[in-house]
């Protein structure tokens, strides 16, 4: 395995541990009280590219995002806009020619 790929989880874990400390330090530097953090959900890998949100108080999964196929949704939207624009141009050409 590539060295950078094998080091990636360790680097990400260090960043996850360091982020709350940096946030606390930032609030101390600007002289404000740090807001209370309430974490109710924890993301957990659900297999593939899906992520489930698990609620702390009950331990149940909230569910996963409904649409991971953003390329398909983008293509569908682009097709609808193209068809609509084409129909509008045909309409303008029809009335512009004086039918």
N, C-alpha and C. Protein backbone atom coordinates (compact mmCIF):
# COMPACT_ATOMS: atom_id res chain seq x y z
N UNK A 1 0.85 -1.17 0.00
CA UNK A 1 0.00 0.00 0.00
C UNK A 1 0.90 1.24 0.00
N UNK A 2 0.44 2.27 -0.67
CA UNK A 2 1.17 3.53 -0.73
C UNK A 2 1.34 4.10 0.68
N UNK A 3 2.49 4.71 0.94
CA UNK A 3 2.78 5.22 2.28
C UNK A 3 1.79 6.30 2.71
N UNK A 4 1.44 7.19 1.79
CA UNK A 4 0.52 8.26 2.16
C UNK A 4 -0.88 7.71 2.43
N UNK A 5 -1.28 6.68 1.71
CA UNK A 5 -2.59 6.08 1.95
C UNK A 5 -2.62 5.39 3.30
N UNK A 6 -1.55 4.70 3.66
CA UNK A 6 -1.51 4.02 4.95
C UNK A 6 -1.43 5.01 6.11
N UNK A 7 -0.87 6.20 5.89
CA UNK A 7 -0.79 7.21 6.93
C UNK A 7 -2.05 8.04 7.04
N UNK A 8 -2.90 8.01 6.05
CA UNK A 8 -4.08 8.85 6.02
C UNK A 8 -5.01 8.66 7.23
N UNK A 9 -5.36 7.44 7.63
CA UNK A 9 -6.22 7.30 8.82
C UNK A 9 -5.60 7.89 10.08
N UNK A 10 -4.29 7.73 10.24
CA UNK A 10 -3.62 8.29 11.42
C UNK A 10 -3.66 9.81 11.40
N UNK A 11 -3.46 10.40 10.22
CA UNK A 11 -3.50 11.85 10.10
C UNK A 11 -4.90 12.37 10.39
N UNK A 12 -5.92 11.72 9.84
CA UNK A 12 -7.30 12.14 10.09
C UNK A 12 -7.66 12.01 11.56
N UNK A 13 -7.21 10.94 12.22
CA UNK A 13 -7.50 10.77 13.63
C UNK A 13 -6.85 11.87 14.46
N UNK A 14 -5.62 12.25 14.12
CA UNK A 14 -4.96 13.35 14.82
C UNK A 14 -5.71 14.66 14.64
N UNK A 15 -6.20 14.90 13.42
CA UNK A 15 -6.98 16.12 13.17
C UNK A 15 -8.28 16.11 13.96
N UNK A 16 -8.92 14.95 14.04
CA UNK A 16 -10.18 14.86 14.81
C UNK A 16 -9.93 15.14 16.29
N UNK A 17 -8.82 14.69 16.81
CA UNK A 17 -8.50 14.92 18.21
C UNK A 17 -8.06 16.35 18.46
N UNK A 18 -7.42 16.97 17.49
CA UNK A 18 -6.88 18.31 17.66
C UNK A 18 -7.92 19.40 17.46
N UNK A 19 -8.96 19.16 16.68
CA UNK A 19 -9.94 20.19 16.35
C UNK A 19 -10.62 20.78 17.58
N UNK A 20 -11.14 19.97 18.53
CA UNK A 20 -11.77 20.58 19.71
C UNK A 20 -10.78 21.41 20.53
N UNK A 21 -9.53 20.98 20.60
CA UNK A 21 -8.53 21.75 21.35
C UNK A 21 -8.26 23.09 20.69
N UNK A 22 -8.18 23.10 19.37
CA UNK A 22 -7.96 24.34 18.64
C UNK A 22 -9.15 25.29 18.79
N UNK A 23 -10.35 24.74 18.80
CA UNK A 23 -11.55 25.56 18.96
C UNK A 23 -11.55 26.21 20.33
N UNK A 24 -11.24 25.44 21.37
CA UNK A 24 -11.19 25.98 22.72
C UNK A 24 -10.12 27.06 22.82
N UNK A 25 -8.97 26.82 22.22
CA UNK A 25 -7.88 27.80 22.24
C UNK A 25 -8.27 29.08 21.52
N UNK A 26 -9.01 28.95 20.41
CA UNK A 26 -9.44 30.14 19.67
C UNK A 26 -10.37 30.99 20.53
N UNK A 27 -11.34 30.36 21.20
CA UNK A 27 -12.26 31.12 22.04
C UNK A 27 -11.53 31.77 23.20
N UNK A 28 -10.50 31.14 23.75
CA UNK A 28 -9.72 31.74 24.82
C UNK A 28 -8.93 32.95 24.31
N UNK A 29 -8.42 32.85 23.09
CA UNK A 29 -7.64 33.96 22.51
C UNK A 29 -8.50 35.18 22.25
N UNK A 30 -9.74 35.00 21.85
CA UNK A 30 -10.59 36.16 21.57
C UNK A 30 -11.34 36.63 22.80
N UNK A 31 -11.22 35.88 23.91
CA UNK A 31 -11.82 36.32 25.17
C UNK A 31 -13.31 36.09 25.29
N UNK A 32 -13.82 35.08 24.63
CA UNK A 32 -15.26 34.76 24.72
C UNK A 32 -15.44 33.38 25.31
N UNK A 33 -16.63 33.16 25.88
CA UNK A 33 -16.95 31.83 26.40
C UNK A 33 -17.27 30.90 25.25
N UNK A 34 -16.82 29.68 25.38
CA UNK A 34 -17.08 28.69 24.34
C UNK A 34 -18.52 28.21 24.44
N UNK A 35 -19.26 28.14 23.31
CA UNK A 35 -20.63 27.65 23.37
C UNK A 35 -20.67 26.17 23.75
N UNK A 36 -21.77 25.79 24.36
CA UNK A 36 -21.95 24.40 24.77
C UNK A 36 -22.22 23.56 23.53
N UNK A 37 -21.51 22.45 23.42
CA UNK A 37 -21.69 21.56 22.28
C UNK A 37 -22.61 20.42 22.67
N UNK A 38 -23.66 20.25 21.92
CA UNK A 38 -24.58 19.14 22.15
C UNK A 38 -24.51 18.24 20.91
N UNK A 39 -23.93 17.08 21.08
CA UNK A 39 -23.82 16.14 19.98
C UNK A 39 -24.87 15.06 20.20
N UNK A 40 -25.84 15.03 19.32
CA UNK A 40 -26.92 14.06 19.48
C UNK A 40 -26.77 12.86 18.56
N UNK A 41 -26.10 13.06 17.43
CA UNK A 41 -25.96 11.98 16.45
C UNK A 41 -24.48 11.73 16.15
N UNK A 42 -24.17 10.48 15.88
CA UNK A 42 -22.82 10.09 15.48
C UNK A 42 -22.91 9.41 14.12
N UNK A 43 -22.11 9.85 13.14
CA UNK A 43 -22.12 9.17 11.84
C UNK A 43 -21.39 7.84 11.93
N UNK A 44 -21.95 6.84 11.26
CA UNK A 44 -21.33 5.52 11.22
C UNK A 44 -21.39 5.02 9.79
N UNK A 45 -20.31 4.43 9.29
CA UNK A 45 -20.33 3.92 7.91
C UNK A 45 -21.37 2.83 7.75
N UNK A 46 -22.13 2.94 6.66
CA UNK A 46 -23.19 1.98 6.41
C UNK A 46 -22.87 1.04 5.27
N UNK A 47 -21.66 1.09 4.75
CA UNK A 47 -21.29 0.23 3.63
C UNK A 47 -21.31 1.01 2.33
N UNK A 48 -20.28 0.86 1.56
CA UNK A 48 -20.18 1.60 0.31
C UNK A 48 -19.97 3.07 0.61
N UNK A 49 -20.81 3.94 0.02
CA UNK A 49 -20.69 5.36 0.27
C UNK A 49 -21.80 5.87 1.19
N UNK A 50 -22.56 4.98 1.79
CA UNK A 50 -23.66 5.39 2.65
C UNK A 50 -23.17 5.61 4.08
N UNK A 51 -23.85 6.50 4.78
CA UNK A 51 -23.53 6.81 6.17
C UNK A 51 -24.84 6.82 6.94
N UNK A 52 -24.85 6.14 8.09
CA UNK A 52 -26.03 6.16 8.96
C UNK A 52 -25.76 7.09 10.12
N UNK A 53 -26.80 7.75 10.62
CA UNK A 53 -26.69 8.61 11.77
C UNK A 53 -27.30 7.88 12.97
N UNK A 54 -26.50 7.66 14.01
CA UNK A 54 -26.95 6.92 15.18
C UNK A 54 -27.17 7.90 16.32
N UNK A 55 -28.37 7.88 16.91
CA UNK A 55 -28.72 8.77 18.00
C UNK A 55 -28.12 8.25 19.30
N UNK A 56 -27.48 9.15 20.06
CA UNK A 56 -26.82 8.75 21.30
C UNK A 56 -27.79 8.24 22.35
N UNK A 57 -28.91 8.94 22.54
CA UNK A 57 -29.80 8.61 23.64
C UNK A 57 -30.48 7.26 23.47
N UNK A 58 -30.84 6.90 22.24
CA UNK A 58 -31.56 5.64 22.03
C UNK A 58 -30.71 4.56 21.38
N UNK A 59 -29.66 4.94 20.69
CA UNK A 59 -28.82 3.97 20.00
C UNK A 59 -29.41 3.49 18.69
N UNK A 60 -30.48 4.14 18.24
CA UNK A 60 -31.12 3.74 16.99
C UNK A 60 -30.57 4.56 15.83
N UNK A 61 -30.65 3.98 14.66
CA UNK A 61 -30.18 4.67 13.46
C UNK A 61 -31.29 5.58 12.94
N UNK A 62 -30.94 6.82 12.67
CA UNK A 62 -31.91 7.79 12.15
C UNK A 62 -32.22 7.47 10.69
N UNK A 63 -31.25 6.95 9.99
CA UNK A 63 -31.44 6.66 8.58
C UNK A 63 -30.26 7.16 7.80
N UNK A 64 -30.34 7.05 6.52
CA UNK A 64 -29.26 7.50 5.67
C UNK A 64 -29.82 8.48 4.66
N UNK A 65 -28.98 9.34 4.12
CA UNK A 65 -29.46 10.28 3.11
C UNK A 65 -30.09 9.52 1.94
N UNK A 66 -31.16 10.08 1.41
CA UNK A 66 -31.95 9.38 0.40
C UNK A 66 -31.26 9.32 -0.96
N UNK A 67 -30.57 10.39 -1.35
CA UNK A 67 -30.07 10.45 -2.71
C UNK A 67 -28.55 10.60 -2.73
N UNK A 68 -27.85 9.50 -2.94
CA UNK A 68 -26.41 9.56 -3.10
C UNK A 68 -26.02 9.65 -4.56
N UNK A 69 -26.96 9.41 -5.45
CA UNK A 69 -26.63 9.39 -6.86
C UNK A 69 -26.80 10.79 -7.44
N UNK A 70 -25.89 11.69 -7.10
CA UNK A 70 -26.01 13.07 -7.52
C UNK A 70 -25.77 13.25 -9.01
N UNK A 71 -24.97 12.39 -9.62
CA UNK A 71 -24.71 12.51 -11.06
C UNK A 71 -26.01 12.24 -11.83
N UNK A 72 -26.74 11.24 -11.40
CA UNK A 72 -28.00 10.91 -12.06
C UNK A 72 -29.02 12.05 -11.90
N UNK A 73 -29.09 12.64 -10.71
CA UNK A 73 -30.01 13.75 -10.47
C UNK A 73 -29.61 14.96 -11.31
N UNK A 74 -28.30 15.22 -11.41
CA UNK A 74 -27.83 16.34 -12.23
C UNK A 74 -28.16 16.12 -13.69
N UNK A 75 -27.96 14.90 -14.18
CA UNK A 75 -28.26 14.59 -15.59
C UNK A 75 -29.75 14.76 -15.87
N UNK A 76 -30.59 14.33 -14.95
CA UNK A 76 -32.04 14.47 -15.12
C UNK A 76 -32.43 15.95 -15.18
N UNK A 77 -31.87 16.75 -14.29
CA UNK A 77 -32.18 18.18 -14.28
C UNK A 77 -31.68 18.85 -15.56
N UNK A 78 -30.48 18.50 -15.98
CA UNK A 78 -29.93 19.07 -17.21
C UNK A 78 -30.79 18.71 -18.42
N UNK A 79 -31.27 17.47 -18.47
CA UNK A 79 -32.12 17.04 -19.58
C UNK A 79 -33.43 17.82 -19.59
N UNK A 80 -34.03 18.03 -18.44
CA UNK A 80 -35.29 18.79 -18.37
C UNK A 80 -35.09 20.22 -18.83
N UNK A 81 -34.00 20.86 -18.39
CA UNK A 81 -33.72 22.22 -18.82
C UNK A 81 -33.46 22.29 -20.32
N UNK A 82 -32.78 21.31 -20.88
CA UNK A 82 -32.49 21.29 -22.31
C UNK A 82 -33.77 21.15 -23.11
N UNK A 83 -34.64 20.25 -22.69
CA UNK A 83 -35.91 20.05 -23.41
C UNK A 83 -36.76 21.31 -23.30
N UNK A 84 -36.81 21.92 -22.12
CA UNK A 84 -37.59 23.14 -21.94
C UNK A 84 -37.07 24.27 -22.80
N UNK A 85 -35.76 24.43 -22.86
CA UNK A 85 -35.16 25.49 -23.69
C UNK A 85 -35.43 25.24 -25.17
N UNK A 86 -35.34 23.98 -25.58
CA UNK A 86 -35.59 23.64 -26.99
C UNK A 86 -37.05 23.95 -27.36
N UNK A 87 -37.97 23.59 -26.48
CA UNK A 87 -39.38 23.88 -26.76
C UNK A 87 -39.64 25.38 -26.82
N UNK A 88 -38.99 26.14 -25.96
CA UNK A 88 -39.15 27.59 -25.97
C UNK A 88 -38.59 28.18 -27.26
N UNK A 89 -37.44 27.70 -27.73
CA UNK A 89 -36.88 28.19 -28.99
C UNK A 89 -37.77 27.84 -30.17
N UNK A 90 -38.34 26.66 -30.16
CA UNK A 90 -39.26 26.28 -31.24
C UNK A 90 -40.48 27.18 -31.24
N UNK A 91 -40.98 27.49 -30.04
CA UNK A 91 -42.14 28.38 -29.93
C UNK A 91 -41.80 29.78 -30.47
N UNK A 92 -40.64 30.31 -30.10
CA UNK A 92 -40.23 31.63 -30.61
C UNK A 92 -40.05 31.60 -32.13
N UNK A 93 -39.47 30.54 -32.67
CA UNK A 93 -39.27 30.43 -34.11
C UNK A 93 -40.62 30.35 -34.83
N UNK A 94 -41.58 29.66 -34.26
CA UNK A 94 -42.89 29.53 -34.88
C UNK A 94 -43.60 30.87 -34.96
N UNK A 95 -43.61 31.59 -33.82
CA UNK A 95 -44.30 32.90 -33.83
C UNK A 95 -43.47 33.97 -34.52
N UNK A 96 -42.15 33.82 -34.55
CA UNK A 96 -41.30 34.80 -35.24
C UNK A 96 -41.41 34.69 -36.74
N UNK A 97 -41.75 33.51 -37.25
CA UNK A 97 -41.88 33.33 -38.70
C UNK A 97 -43.22 33.85 -39.19
N UNK A 98 -44.07 34.27 -38.31
CA UNK A 98 -45.36 34.84 -38.71
C UNK A 98 -46.39 33.78 -39.04
N UNK A 99 -46.16 32.56 -38.65
CA UNK A 99 -46.99 31.36 -38.91
C UNK A 99 -47.96 31.67 -39.96
